[in-house]
């Protein structure tokens, strides 16, 4: 996924998928892909193919998340990894660049799935 970016940086890719009143809380952008954490769900934008003209947009509602795990970057690791498990859709895996505050992401997800 990359690193945190200003909210709205990738809005042209996900704006049409937002529901009325849905608020974006965090946005992470990689070279081509993006992850958007909203108050209602996680949206993953993944361009397909060499040119990225075809774009896959996946929506994972917080109410269907059953568990998640985080791996921090260690001494030799250059990234952090998050796995989100959900009822009806399996596992979504996200990789973040070194230096991403995964504890902030974990706190945000905890607030959404344990309400």
Protein backbone atom coordinates (compact mmCIF):
# COMPACT_ATOMS: atom_id res chain seq x y z
CA UNK A 1 0.00 0.00 0.00
CA UNK A 2 2.77 2.37 0.67
CA UNK A 3 2.75 5.22 3.09
CA UNK A 4 0.21 7.67 4.53
CA UNK A 5 -0.86 10.49 2.30
CA UNK A 6 -3.17 13.48 2.56
CA UNK A 7 -6.83 12.55 2.46
CA UNK A 8 -8.10 13.06 -1.06
CA UNK A 9 -4.83 12.30 -2.87
CA UNK A 10 -6.38 9.30 -4.65
CA UNK A 11 -9.95 10.60 -4.49
CA UNK A 12 -10.34 10.40 -8.27
CA UNK A 13 -10.05 6.61 -7.92
CA UNK A 14 -12.50 6.03 -5.05
CA UNK A 15 -14.81 9.08 -4.82
CA UNK A 16 -17.53 7.43 -6.90
CA UNK A 17 -17.62 4.48 -4.47
CA UNK A 18 -18.24 6.52 -1.32
CA UNK A 19 -21.71 6.41 0.18
CA UNK A 20 -23.52 9.64 1.08
CA UNK A 21 -22.15 10.90 4.39
CA UNK A 22 -19.23 8.44 4.44
CA UNK A 23 -16.07 10.04 5.83
CA UNK A 24 -12.49 9.15 4.90
CA UNK A 25 -10.31 8.87 8.02
CA UNK A 26 -6.98 7.61 6.62
CA UNK A 27 -5.52 7.14 3.17
CA UNK A 28 -2.41 5.20 2.13
CA UNK A 29 -0.94 5.27 -1.36
CA UNK A 30 1.56 2.96 -2.99
CA UNK A 31 3.09 3.27 -6.44
CA UNK A 32 -0.17 2.23 -8.10
CA UNK A 33 -2.52 1.01 -5.39
CA UNK A 34 -4.27 2.70 -2.48
CA UNK A 35 -6.07 1.84 0.75
CA UNK A 36 -8.77 4.11 2.13
CA UNK A 37 -10.02 3.69 5.70
CA UNK A 38 -13.47 5.25 6.15
CA UNK A 39 -15.88 5.33 9.07
CA UNK A 40 -17.84 2.48 7.41
CA UNK A 41 -15.30 0.28 5.60
CA UNK A 42 -11.90 -0.32 4.06
CA UNK A 43 -11.65 0.41 0.34
CA UNK A 44 -8.71 -1.07 -1.60
CA UNK A 45 -7.91 0.32 -5.06
CA UNK A 46 -5.73 -1.99 -7.18
CA UNK A 47 -4.92 -1.12 -10.82
CA UNK A 48 -4.62 -4.21 -13.04
CA UNK A 49 -2.30 -4.87 -15.97
CA UNK A 50 0.74 -2.98 -17.19
CA UNK A 51 -0.95 0.33 -17.85
CA UNK A 52 -3.41 0.21 -14.98
CA UNK A 53 -6.40 1.17 -17.07
CA UNK A 54 -8.50 -1.57 -15.52
CA UNK A 55 -8.93 -0.90 -11.81
CA UNK A 56 -10.17 -3.29 -9.13
CA UNK A 57 -11.94 -1.61 -6.21
CA UNK A 58 -12.73 -3.81 -3.20
CA UNK A 59 -14.93 -2.82 -0.27
CA UNK A 60 -14.61 -4.48 3.14
CA UNK A 61 -17.32 -3.30 5.58
CA UNK A 62 -16.23 -3.03 9.23
CA UNK A 63 -19.34 -4.90 10.37
CA UNK A 64 -18.13 -8.04 8.55
CA UNK A 65 -14.55 -8.00 9.92
CA UNK A 66 -14.04 -10.89 12.33
CA UNK A 67 -10.32 -10.56 13.12
CA UNK A 68 -7.12 -8.80 12.11
CA UNK A 69 -3.38 -9.10 12.66
CA UNK A 70 -0.40 -6.78 12.32
CA UNK A 71 3.28 -7.45 11.79
CA UNK A 72 5.59 -4.55 12.59
CA UNK A 73 8.81 -3.92 10.78
CA UNK A 74 11.72 -5.44 12.66
CA UNK A 75 15.41 -4.86 12.30
CA UNK A 76 15.61 -6.44 8.85
CA UNK A 77 12.04 -5.90 7.70
CA UNK A 78 11.35 -2.91 5.50
CA UNK A 79 7.60 -2.91 5.90
CA UNK A 80 4.59 -3.68 8.05
CA UNK A 81 1.84 -6.09 7.11
CA UNK A 82 -1.81 -6.16 8.09
CA UNK A 83 -4.23 -9.03 7.51
CA UNK A 84 -7.96 -8.48 7.90
CA UNK A 85 -10.29 -11.49 8.04
CA UNK A 86 -13.94 -11.16 7.24
CA UNK A 87 -17.13 -13.13 7.15
CA UNK A 88 -18.00 -13.90 3.56
CA UNK A 89 -14.81 -12.64 1.90
CA UNK A 90 -11.77 -14.32 3.49
CA UNK A 91 -8.54 -12.41 4.07
CA UNK A 92 -7.39 -9.01 2.82
CA UNK A 93 -3.62 -8.43 3.07
CA UNK A 94 -2.08 -4.95 3.09
CA UNK A 95 1.62 -4.04 3.14
CA UNK A 96 2.82 -0.67 4.38
CA UNK A 97 6.23 0.94 4.00
CA UNK A 98 8.62 1.21 6.90
CA UNK A 99 7.73 3.97 9.31
CA UNK A 100 3.94 3.68 9.03
CA UNK A 101 2.33 3.96 12.47
CA UNK A 102 0.55 0.60 12.49
CA UNK A 103 -0.59 1.18 16.07
CA UNK A 104 -2.77 4.06 14.82
CA UNK A 105 -4.23 1.77 12.16
CA UNK A 106 -4.88 -0.94 14.77
CA UNK A 107 -6.58 1.55 17.09
CA UNK A 108 -8.79 2.77 14.24
CA UNK A 109 -9.79 -0.78 13.21
CA UNK A 110 -10.42 -1.76 16.86
CA UNK A 111 -12.85 1.15 17.25
CA UNK A 112 -14.77 0.03 14.16
CA UNK A 113 -15.02 -3.72 14.71
CA UNK A 114 -15.50 -3.82 18.49
CA UNK A 115 -18.31 -1.23 18.76
